[in-house]
PDB file of N, CA and C in Angstrom:
ATOM      1  N   UNK A   1       4.821  -6.572   7.310  1.00  0.00           N
ATOM      2  CA  UNK A   1       3.760  -7.990   6.513  1.00  0.00           C
ATOM      3  C   UNK A   1       4.430  -7.028   5.241  1.00  0.00           C
ATOM      4  N   UNK A   2       4.779  -7.993   3.882  1.00  0.00           N
ATOM      5  CA  UNK A   2       4.220  -7.473   2.413  1.00  0.00           C
ATOM      6  C   UNK A   2       2.430  -7.381   2.192  1.00  0.00           C
ATOM      7  N   UNK A   3       2.720  -6.063   1.691  1.00  0.00           N
ATOM      8  CA  UNK A   3       0.840  -5.577   0.974  1.00  0.00           C
ATOM      9  C   UNK A   3       0.315  -6.724  -0.206  1.00  0.00           C
ATOM     10  N   UNK A   4       1.666  -5.734  -0.967  1.00  0.00           N
ATOM     11  CA  UNK A   4       2.204  -6.262  -2.671  1.00  0.00           C
ATOM     12  C   UNK A   4       3.394  -6.291  -2.990  1.00  0.00           C
ATOM     13  N   UNK A   5       3.856  -7.245  -4.335  1.00  0.00           N
ATOM     14  CA  UNK A   5       4.994  -7.900  -4.917  1.00  0.00           C
ATOM     15  C   UNK A   5       4.559  -7.408  -5.654  1.00  0.00           C
ATOM     16  N   UNK A   6       5.820  -6.616  -6.375  1.00  0.00           N
ATOM     17  CA  UNK A   6       6.185  -5.778  -7.750  1.00  0.00           C
ATOM     18  C   UNK A   6       7.837  -6.143  -8.530  1.00  0.00           C
ATOM     19  N   UNK A   7       7.788  -7.154  -9.110  1.00  0.00           N
ATOM     20  CA  UNK A   7       9.150  -7.023  -9.863  1.00  0.00           C
ATOM     21  C   UNK A   7       9.637  -5.638 -10.434  1.00  0.00           C
ATOM     22  N   UNK A   8      11.020  -5.000 -10.027  1.00  0.00           N
ATOM     23  CA  UNK A   8      10.942  -4.268 -10.469  1.00  0.00           C
ATOM     24  C   UNK A   8      12.610  -4.391 -11.011  1.00  0.00           C
ATOM     25  N   UNK A   9      13.282  -3.683 -12.121  1.00  0.00           N
ATOM     26  CA  UNK A   9      14.549  -3.765 -12.538  1.00  0.00           C
ATOM     27  C   UNK A   9      15.820  -3.551 -11.361  1.00  0.00           C
ATOM     28  N   UNK A  10      16.908  -4.109 -11.185  1.00  0.00           N
ATOM     29  CA  UNK A  10      18.175  -3.703 -10.369  1.00  0.00           C
ATOM     30  C   UNK A  10      18.121  -1.962 -10.492  1.00  0.00           C
ATOM     31  N   UNK A  11      18.099  -1.212 -11.457  1.00  0.00           N
ATOM     32  CA  UNK A  11      18.364   0.030 -11.546  1.00  0.00           C
ATOM     33  C   UNK A  11      16.712   0.546 -11.145  1.00  0.00           C
ATOM     34  N   UNK A  12      16.037   0.318 -10.931  1.00  0.00           N
ATOM     35  CA  UNK A  12      14.769   1.252 -10.381  1.00  0.00           C
ATOM     36  C   UNK A  12      14.698   1.321  -9.010  1.00  0.00           C
ATOM     37  N   UNK A  13      15.621  -0.229  -8.550  1.00  0.00           N
ATOM     38  CA  UNK A  13      15.405  -0.820  -6.873  1.00  0.00           C
ATOM     39  C   UNK A  13      16.200   0.777  -5.674  1.00  0.00           C
ATOM     40  N   UNK A  14      16.984   1.285  -6.980  1.00  0.00           N
ATOM     41  CA  UNK A  14      18.338   2.134  -6.996  1.00  0.00           C
ATOM     42  C   UNK A  14      17.618   3.081  -5.928  1.00  0.00           C
ATOM     43  N   UNK A  15      16.804   3.708  -6.085  1.00  0.00           N
ATOM     44  CA  UNK A  15      16.082   4.457  -5.769  1.00  0.00           C
ATOM     45  C   UNK A  15      15.182   4.548  -4.432  1.00  0.00           C
ATOM     46  N   UNK A  16      15.029   3.389  -3.618  1.00  0.00           N
ATOM     47  CA  UNK A  16      14.394   2.433  -2.367  1.00  0.00           C
ATOM     48  C   UNK A  16      15.201   2.499  -2.182  1.00  0.00           C
ATOM     49  N   UNK A  17      16.590   3.096  -1.859  1.00  0.00           N
ATOM     50  CA  UNK A  17      17.496   3.050  -0.941  1.00  0.00           C
ATOM     51  C   UNK A  17      17.731   4.256  -0.218  1.00  0.00           C
ATOM     52  N   UNK A  18      17.982   4.727   1.039  1.00  0.00           N
ATOM     53  CA  UNK A  18      18.643   5.695   1.348  1.00  0.00           C
ATOM     54  C   UNK A  18      20.315   5.427   1.623  1.00  0.00           C
ATOM     55  N   UNK A  19      20.190   6.208   2.356  1.00  0.00           N
ATOM     56  CA  UNK A  19      22.045   7.106   2.239  1.00  0.00           C
ATOM     57  C   UNK A  19      22.611   6.279   2.904  1.00  0.00           C
ATOM     58  N   UNK A  20      21.924   5.206   4.256  1.00  0.00           N
ATOM     59  CA  UNK A  20      22.860   4.578   4.950  1.00  0.00           C
ATOM     60  C   UNK A  20      23.144   2.858   4.138  1.00  0.00           C
ATOM     61  N   UNK A  21      22.580   2.838   2.741  1.00  0.00           N
ATOM     62  CA  UNK A  21      22.838   1.683   1.711  1.00  0.00           C
ATOM     63  C   UNK A  21      23.626   2.362   0.686  1.00  0.00           C
ATOM     64  N   UNK A  22      24.558   2.958   0.574  1.00  0.00           N
ATOM     65  CA  UNK A  22      25.285   3.305  -0.788  1.00  0.00           C
ATOM     66  C   UNK A  22      25.753   2.797  -1.031  1.00  0.00           C
ATOM     67  N   UNK A  23      26.903   1.483  -0.041  1.00  0.00           N
ATOM     68  CA  UNK A  23      27.320   0.319  -0.761  1.00  0.00           C
ATOM     69  C   UNK A  23      26.248  -0.759  -1.560  1.00  0.00           C
ATOM     70  N   UNK A  24      25.154  -0.620  -1.720  1.00  0.00           N
ATOM     71  CA  UNK A  24      24.345  -1.762  -2.086  1.00  0.00           C
ATOM     72  C   UNK A  24      24.062  -0.752  -3.379  1.00  0.00           C
ATOM     73  N   UNK A  25      24.183   0.894  -3.038  1.00  0.00           N
ATOM     74  CA  UNK A  25      24.020   1.455  -4.658  1.00  0.00           C
ATOM     75  C   UNK A  25      25.093   1.125  -5.249  1.00  0.00           C
ATOM     76  N   UNK A  26      26.106   1.492  -5.051  1.00  0.00           N
ATOM     77  CA  UNK A  26      27.441   0.908  -5.456  1.00  0.00           C
ATOM     78  C   UNK A  26      27.598  -0.866  -5.984  1.00  0.00           C
ATOM     79  N   UNK A  27      27.001  -0.967  -5.308  1.00  0.00           N
ATOM     80  CA  UNK A  27      27.128  -2.325  -6.066  1.00  0.00           C
ATOM     81  C   UNK A  27      26.151  -2.677  -6.897  1.00  0.00           C
ATOM     82  N   UNK A  28      24.972  -2.014  -7.098  1.00  0.00           N
ATOM     83  CA  UNK A  28      24.241  -2.405  -7.834  1.00  0.00           C
ATOM     84  C   UNK A  28      24.709  -1.553  -9.487  1.00  0.00           C
ATOM     85  N   UNK A  29      25.390  -0.429  -9.467  1.00  0.00           N
ATOM     86  CA  UNK A  29      25.418   0.102 -10.090  1.00  0.00           C
ATOM     87  C   UNK A  29      26.714  -0.732 -11.261  1.00  0.00           C
ATOM     88  N   UNK A  30      27.794  -1.525 -10.619  1.00  0.00           N
ATOM     89  CA  UNK A  30      28.354  -2.357 -11.015  1.00  0.00           C
ATOM     90  C   UNK A  30      27.531  -2.549 -12.742  1.00  0.00           C
ATOM     91  N   UNK A  31      26.299  -3.150 -12.028  1.00  0.00           N
ATOM     92  CA  UNK A  31      25.259  -4.170 -13.109  1.00  0.00           C
ATOM     93  C   UNK A  31      24.668  -3.511 -13.536  1.00  0.00           C
ATOM     94  N   UNK A  32      24.520  -2.873 -13.578  1.00  0.00           N
ATOM     95  CA  UNK A  32      23.183  -1.584 -14.481  1.00  0.00           C
ATOM     96  C   UNK A  32      23.444  -0.492 -15.036  1.00  0.00           C
ATOM     97  N   UNK A  33      23.484  -0.166 -16.162  1.00  0.00           N
ATOM     98  CA  UNK A  33      23.646   0.358 -17.304  1.00  0.00           C
ATOM     99  C   UNK A  33      22.757   1.499 -16.743  1.00  0.00           C
ATOM    100  N   UNK A  34      21.457   1.772 -16.010  1.00  0.00           N
ATOM    101  CA  UNK A  34      21.062   2.972 -16.075  1.00  0.00           C
ATOM    102  C   UNK A  34      20.556   3.676 -15.158  1.00  0.00           C
ATOM    103  N   UNK A  35      19.938   4.338 -15.089  1.00  0.00           N
ATOM    104  CA  UNK A  35      19.686   5.348 -13.837  1.00  0.00           C
ATOM    105  C   UNK A  35      17.925   4.841 -12.776  1.00  0.00           C
ATOM    106  N   UNK A  36      17.869   5.248 -12.099  1.00  0.00           N
ATOM    107  CA  UNK A  36      15.904   5.214 -12.094  1.00  0.00           C
ATOM    108  C   UNK A  36      14.420   5.731 -13.314  1.00  0.00           C
ATOM    109  N   UNK A  37      15.171   6.201 -13.178  1.00  0.00           N
ATOM    110  CA  UNK A  37      14.585   7.956 -14.538  1.00  0.00           C
ATOM    111  C   UNK A  37      14.522   6.963 -15.565  1.00  0.00           C
ATOM    112  N   UNK A  38      15.951   6.526 -15.998  1.00  0.00           N
ATOM    113  CA  UNK A  38      16.005   6.187 -17.706  1.00  0.00           C
ATOM    114  C   UNK A  38      15.377   4.568 -17.776  1.00  0.00           C
ATOM    115  N   UNK A  39      15.663   3.916 -16.538  1.00  0.00           N
ATOM    116  CA  UNK A  39      14.676   2.397 -16.696  1.00  0.00           C
ATOM    117  C   UNK A  39      12.896   2.690 -16.776  1.00  0.00           C
ATOM    118  N   UNK A  40      12.710   3.974 -15.471  1.00  0.00           N
ATOM    119  CA  UNK A  40      11.138   4.155 -15.254  1.00  0.00           C
ATOM    120  C   UNK A  40      10.860   4.309 -17.415  1.00  0.00           C
ATOM    121  N   UNK A  41      11.505   4.917 -17.453  1.00  0.00           N
ATOM    122  CA  UNK A  41      11.656   5.353 -19.082  1.00  0.00           C
ATOM    123  C   UNK A  41      10.724   4.004 -19.887  1.00  0.00           C
ATOM    124  N   UNK A  42      12.436   3.428 -19.739  1.00  0.00           N
ATOM    125  CA  UNK A  42      12.002   1.760 -20.121  1.00  0.00           C
ATOM    126  C   UNK A  42      11.024   1.107 -20.521  1.00  0.00           C
ATOM    127  N   UNK A  43      10.749   1.367 -18.841  1.00  0.00           N
ATOM    128  CA  UNK A  43       9.391   0.436 -18.860  1.00  0.00           C
ATOM    129  C   UNK A  43       8.188   0.852 -19.210  1.00  0.00           C
ATOM    130  N   UNK A  44       8.211   1.763 -19.422  1.00  0.00           N
ATOM    131  CA  UNK A  44       6.851   2.308 -19.916  1.00  0.00           C
ATOM    132  C   UNK A  44       6.747   2.244 -21.859  1.00  0.00           C
ATOM    133  N   UNK A  45       7.752   2.462 -21.868  1.00  0.00           N
ATOM    134  CA  UNK A  45       7.992   1.488 -23.624  1.00  0.00           C
ATOM    135  C   UNK A  45       7.705   0.408 -24.122  1.00  0.00           C
ATOM    136  N   UNK A  46       8.350   0.107 -23.191  1.00  0.00           N
ATOM    137  CA  UNK A  46       7.938  -1.414 -22.967  1.00  0.00           C
ATOM    138  C   UNK A  46       6.955  -2.024 -22.956  1.00  0.00           C
ATOM    139  N   UNK A  47       5.630  -1.078 -21.803  1.00  0.00           N
ATOM    140  CA  UNK A  47       4.542  -1.175 -21.471  1.00  0.00           C
ATOM    141  C   UNK A  47       3.845  -1.004 -22.868  1.00  0.00           C
ATOM    142  N   UNK A  48       4.258   0.118 -23.100  1.00  0.00           N
ATOM    143  CA  UNK A  48       3.232   0.697 -24.055  1.00  0.00           C
ATOM    144  C   UNK A  48       2.913  -0.060 -25.601  1.00  0.00           C
ATOM    145  N   UNK A  49       4.005  -1.094 -25.525  1.00  0.00           N
ATOM    146  CA  UNK A  49       4.071  -1.871 -26.765  1.00  0.00           C
ATOM    147  C   UNK A  49       2.683  -2.767 -26.877  1.00  0.00           C
ATOM    148  N   UNK A  50       2.387  -2.898 -25.859  1.00  0.00           N
ATOM    149  CA  UNK A  50       0.745  -4.067 -25.200  1.00  0.00           C
ATOM    150  C   UNK A  50       0.880  -5.394 -25.664  1.00  0.00           C
ATOM    151  N   UNK A  51       2.253  -5.950 -25.564  1.00  0.00           N
ATOM    152  CA  UNK A  51       2.149  -7.388 -26.076  1.00  0.00           C
ATOM    153  C   UNK A  51       1.984  -8.214 -24.698  1.00  0.00           C
ATOM    154  N   UNK A  52       1.071  -8.922 -25.204  1.00  0.00           N
ATOM    155  CA  UNK A  52      -0.110 -10.101 -23.624  1.00  0.00           C
ATOM    156  C   UNK A  52       0.994 -10.841 -23.031  1.00  0.00           C
ATOM    157  N   UNK A  53       2.243 -11.116 -23.917  1.00  0.00           N
ATOM    158  CA  UNK A  53       3.506 -11.920 -23.612  1.00  0.00           C
ATOM    159  C   UNK A  53       4.343 -11.639 -22.603  1.00  0.00           C
ATOM    160  N   UNK A  54       4.515  -9.992 -22.502  1.00  0.00           N
ATOM    161  CA  UNK A  54       5.163  -9.433 -21.745  1.00  0.00           C
ATOM    162  C   UNK A  54       4.460  -9.007 -21.002  1.00  0.00           C
ATOM    163  N   UNK A  55       4.892  -9.515 -19.176  1.00  0.00           N
ATOM    164  CA  UNK A  55       4.566  -8.910 -17.991  1.00  0.00           C
ATOM    165  C   UNK A  55       5.855  -8.262 -17.337  1.00  0.00           C
ATOM    166  N   UNK A  56       5.318  -8.274 -15.850  1.00  0.00           N
ATOM    167  CA  UNK A  56       6.203  -6.972 -15.342  1.00  0.00           C
ATOM    168  C   UNK A  56       6.918  -7.659 -14.829  1.00  0.00           C
ATOM    169  N   UNK A  57       7.589  -9.013 -14.822  1.00  0.00           N
ATOM    170  CA  UNK A  57       8.511  -9.497 -14.381  1.00  0.00           C
ATOM    171  C   UNK A  57       9.664 -10.142 -15.607  1.00  0.00           C
ATOM    172  N   UNK A  58       8.987  -9.833 -16.545  1.00  0.00           N
ATOM    173  CA  UNK A  58       9.747 -10.049 -18.234  1.00  0.00           C
ATOM    174  C   UNK A  58      10.296  -8.800 -18.298  1.00  0.00           C
ATOM    175  N   UNK A  59       9.158  -7.345 -17.893  1.00  0.00           N
ATOM    176  CA  UNK A  59       9.993  -6.488 -18.311  1.00  0.00           C
ATOM    177  C   UNK A  59      11.191  -5.937 -17.826  1.00  0.00           C
ATOM    178  N   UNK A  60      11.095  -6.642 -16.351  1.00  0.00           N
ATOM    179  CA  UNK A  60      12.547  -6.391 -15.191  1.00  0.00           C
ATOM    180  C   UNK A  60      13.769  -6.448 -15.492  1.00  0.00           C
ATOM    181  N   UNK A  61      13.621  -8.222 -15.843  1.00  0.00           N
ATOM    182  CA  UNK A  61      14.714  -8.897 -16.850  1.00  0.00           C
ATOM    183  C   UNK A  61      14.802  -8.254 -18.007  1.00  0.00           C
ATOM    184  N   UNK A  62      14.554  -7.709 -18.752  1.00  0.00           N
ATOM    185  CA  UNK A  62      14.957  -7.488 -20.247  1.00  0.00           C
ATOM    186  C   UNK A  62      15.562  -5.810 -19.861  1.00  0.00           C
ATOM    187  N   UNK A  63      15.126  -4.680 -18.818  1.00  0.00           N
ATOM    188  CA  UNK A  63      15.900  -3.775 -18.387  1.00  0.00           C
ATOM    189  C   UNK A  63      17.098  -4.259 -18.003  1.00  0.00           C
ATOM    190  N   UNK A  64      17.280  -5.121 -16.608  1.00  0.00           N
ATOM    191  CA  UNK A  64      18.378  -5.670 -16.267  1.00  0.00           C
ATOM    192  C   UNK A  64      19.703  -6.373 -17.446  1.00  0.00           C
ATOM    193  N   UNK A  65      19.068  -7.076 -18.872  1.00  0.00           N
ATOM    194  CA  UNK A  65      19.974  -7.891 -19.499  1.00  0.00           C
ATOM    195  C   UNK A  65      20.836  -7.035 -20.159  1.00  0.00           C
ATOM    196  N   UNK A  66      19.138  -6.294 -20.824  1.00  0.00           N
ATOM    197  CA  UNK A  66      19.049  -5.494 -22.025  1.00  0.00           C
ATOM    198  C   UNK A  66      20.058  -6.100 -23.112  1.00  0.00           C
ATOM    199  N   UNK A  67      19.586  -7.267 -23.772  1.00  0.00           N
ATOM    200  CA  UNK A  67      19.756  -8.051 -24.898  1.00  0.00           C
ATOM    201  C   UNK A  67      19.834  -7.179 -25.867  1.00  0.00           C
ATOM    202  N   UNK A  68      20.582  -7.353 -27.006  1.00  0.00           N
ATOM    203  CA  UNK A  68      20.581  -6.853 -27.658  1.00  0.00           C
ATOM    204  C   UNK A  68      20.494  -7.957 -28.751  1.00  0.00           C
ATOM    205  N   UNK A  69      20.299  -9.396 -28.995  1.00  0.00           N
ATOM    206  CA  UNK A  69      20.034 -10.012 -30.078  1.00  0.00           C
ATOM    207  C   UNK A  69      18.668 -10.863 -29.802  1.00  0.00           C
ATOM    208  N   UNK A  70      18.499 -11.871 -30.454  1.00  0.00           N
ATOM    209  CA  UNK A  70      17.308 -12.463 -30.516  1.00  0.00           C
ATOM    210  C   UNK A  70      17.716 -13.731 -29.405  1.00  0.00           C
ATOM    211  N   UNK A  71      18.864 -14.294 -29.743  1.00  0.00           N
ATOM    212  CA  UNK A  71      19.112 -15.515 -28.732  1.00  0.00           C
ATOM    213  C   UNK A  71      19.320 -15.006 -27.466  1.00  0.00           C
ATOM    214  N   UNK A  72      19.946 -13.500 -27.365  1.00  0.00           N
ATOM    215  CA  UNK A  72      18.800 -13.349 -25.951  1.00  0.00           C
ATOM    216  C   UNK A  72      18.646 -13.088 -24.954  1.00  0.00           C
ATOM    217  N   UNK A  73      17.392 -12.685 -25.957  1.00  0.00           N
ATOM    218  CA  UNK A  73      15.779 -12.031 -26.044  1.00  0.00           C
ATOM    219  C   UNK A  73      15.345 -14.146 -25.778  1.00  0.00           C
ATOM    220  N   UNK A  74      16.195 -14.663 -26.261  1.00  0.00           N
ATOM    221  CA  UNK A  74      15.613 -16.183 -26.180  1.00  0.00           C
ATOM    222  C   UNK A  74      15.801 -16.482 -24.373  1.00  0.00           C
ATOM    223  N   UNK A  75      16.791 -16.265 -24.318  1.00  0.00           N
ATOM    224  CA  UNK A  75      17.066 -16.488 -22.785  1.00  0.00           C
ATOM    225  C   UNK A  75      16.462 -15.867 -21.836  1.00  0.00           C
ATOM    226  N   UNK A  76      15.586 -15.087 -21.637  1.00  0.00           N
ATOM    227  CA  UNK A  76      14.737 -14.018 -21.409  1.00  0.00           C
ATOM    228  C   UNK A  76      13.264 -15.027 -21.087  1.00  0.00           C
ATOM    229  N   UNK A  77      12.639 -15.024 -22.364  1.00  0.00           N
ATOM    230  CA  UNK A  77      11.987 -15.576 -22.297  1.00  0.00           C
ATOM    231  C   UNK A  77      11.455 -17.106 -22.723  1.00  0.00           C
ATOM    232  N   UNK A  78      11.642 -17.536 -21.188  1.00  0.00           N
ATOM    233  CA  UNK A  78      11.669 -19.518 -21.624  1.00  0.00           C
ATOM    234  C   UNK A  78      10.566 -20.185 -21.080  1.00  0.00           C
ATOM    235  N   UNK A  79       9.587 -19.295 -21.070  1.00  0.00           N
ATOM    236  CA  UNK A  79       8.441 -19.752 -20.742  1.00  0.00           C
ATOM    237  C   UNK A  79       7.455 -20.067 -21.478  1.00  0.00           C
ATOM    238  N   UNK A  80       7.650 -18.642 -22.795  1.00  0.00           N
ATOM    239  CA  UNK A  80       6.697 -18.697 -23.683  1.00  0.00           C
ATOM    240  C   UNK A  80       7.997 -17.963 -24.695  1.00  0.00           C
ATOM    241  N   UNK A  81       6.496 -18.076 -26.216  1.00  0.00           N
ATOM    242  CA  UNK A  81       7.564 -17.755 -27.151  1.00  0.00           C
ATOM    243  C   UNK A  81       7.463 -16.719 -28.009  1.00  0.00           C
ATOM    244  N   UNK A  82       7.503 -15.351 -28.216  1.00  0.00           N
ATOM    245  CA  UNK A  82       8.089 -14.220 -29.031  1.00  0.00           C
ATOM    246  C   UNK A  82       7.909 -15.417 -30.411  1.00  0.00           C
ATOM    247  N   UNK A  83       7.399 -14.273 -30.915  1.00  0.00           N
ATOM    248  CA  UNK A  83       7.238 -14.186 -32.444  1.00  0.00           C
ATOM    249  C   UNK A  83       8.779 -13.408 -32.759  1.00  0.00           C
ATOM    250  N   UNK A  84       9.176 -12.936 -33.990  1.00  0.00           N
ATOM    251  CA  UNK A  84      10.272 -12.364 -34.246  1.00  0.00           C
ATOM    252  C   UNK A  84       9.059 -11.399 -35.144  1.00  0.00           C
ATOM    253  N   UNK A  85       8.678 -10.168 -34.936  1.00  0.00           N
ATOM    254  CA  UNK A  85       7.796  -9.295 -34.975  1.00  0.00           C
ATOM    255  C   UNK A  85       7.687  -8.746 -33.249  1.00  0.00           C
ATOM    256  N   UNK A  86       7.236  -9.569 -32.395  1.00  0.00           N
ATOM    257  CA  UNK A  86       6.966  -9.020 -30.919  1.00  0.00           C
ATOM    258  C   UNK A  86       8.843  -9.527 -30.358  1.00  0.00           C
ATOM    259  N   UNK A  87       9.456 -10.132 -30.930  1.00  0.00           N
ATOM    260  CA  UNK A  87      11.038  -9.831 -30.670  1.00  0.00           C
ATOM    261  C   UNK A  87      12.101  -8.764 -30.747  1.00  0.00           C
ATOM    262  N   UNK A  88      11.252  -8.746 -32.185  1.00  0.00           N
ATOM    263  CA  UNK A  88      12.741  -7.331 -32.722  1.00  0.00           C
ATOM    264  C   UNK A  88      11.812  -5.711 -32.372  1.00  0.00           C
ATOM    265  N   UNK A  89      10.470  -5.745 -31.593  1.00  0.00           N
ATOM    266  CA  UNK A  89       9.640  -4.335 -31.723  1.00  0.00           C
ATOM    267  C   UNK A  89      10.374  -4.539 -29.762  1.00  0.00           C
ATOM    268  N   UNK A  90      10.418  -5.239 -29.282  1.00  0.00           N
ATOM    269  CA  UNK A  90      11.375  -5.231 -27.843  1.00  0.00           C
ATOM    270  C   UNK A  90      13.095  -4.851 -27.943  1.00  0.00           C
ATOM    271  N   UNK A  91      13.230  -5.499 -28.666  1.00  0.00           N
ATOM    272  CA  UNK A  91      15.297  -4.837 -29.465  1.00  0.00           C
ATOM    273  C   UNK A  91      14.641  -3.751 -30.129  1.00  0.00           C
ATOM    274  N   UNK A  92      14.013  -2.904 -30.773  1.00  0.00           N
ATOM    275  CA  UNK A  92      14.367  -1.450 -31.305  1.00  0.00           C
ATOM    276  C   UNK A  92      14.090  -0.854 -29.639  1.00  0.00           C
ATOM    277  N   UNK A  93      13.135  -1.080 -29.042  1.00  0.00           N
ATOM    278  CA  UNK A  93      13.111  -0.806 -27.784  1.00  0.00           C
ATOM    279  C   UNK A  93      14.525  -0.456 -26.559  1.00  0.00           C
ATOM    280  N   UNK A  94      14.986  -1.590 -26.931  1.00  0.00           N
ATOM    281  CA  UNK A  94      16.891  -2.087 -26.145  1.00  0.00           C
ATOM    282  C   UNK A  94      18.003  -0.684 -26.707  1.00  0.00           C
ATOM    283  N   UNK A  95      17.310  -0.626 -28.335  1.00  0.00           N
ATOM    284  CA  UNK A  95      18.412  -0.288 -28.904  1.00  0.00           C
ATOM    285  C   UNK A  95      18.536   1.841 -28.603  1.00  0.00           C
ATOM    286  N   UNK A  96      17.237   2.021 -27.926  1.00  0.00           N
ATOM    287  CA  UNK A  96      17.342   3.621 -27.733  1.00  0.00           C
ATOM    288  C   UNK A  96      18.175   3.756 -26.434  1.00  0.00           C
ATOM    289  N   UNK A  97      18.179   2.670 -25.684  1.00  0.00           N
ATOM    290  CA  UNK A  97      18.683   2.848 -24.229  1.00  0.00           C
ATOM    291  C   UNK A  97      19.924   2.411 -24.124  1.00  0.00           C
ATOM    292  N   UNK A  98      21.299   1.770 -24.773  1.00  0.00           N
ATOM    293  CA  UNK A  98      22.127   1.358 -24.724  1.00  0.00           C
ATOM    294  C   UNK A  98      23.412   2.426 -24.879  1.00  0.00           C
TER     295      UNK A  98
END
């Protein structure tokens, strides 16, 4: 039974796999640049921005995709529009983890 569903990034999900899931971890490593600790730090910095438009789902997408331009950022935030200042704050944090 699922009690709570919380979006997490692919790199954060690796810490929930045991030794029997090494193949899955290896597969995820092909698509992620960060380890679980880096992803958690990344999430904390994004949450610290206190942007009302930035929810857990969007934060997970930012961590997974690591957008480097405003155009890439706009592909993540299709349901809302970030102003340039908000987008630049997010991009500044992304640059810290590249």
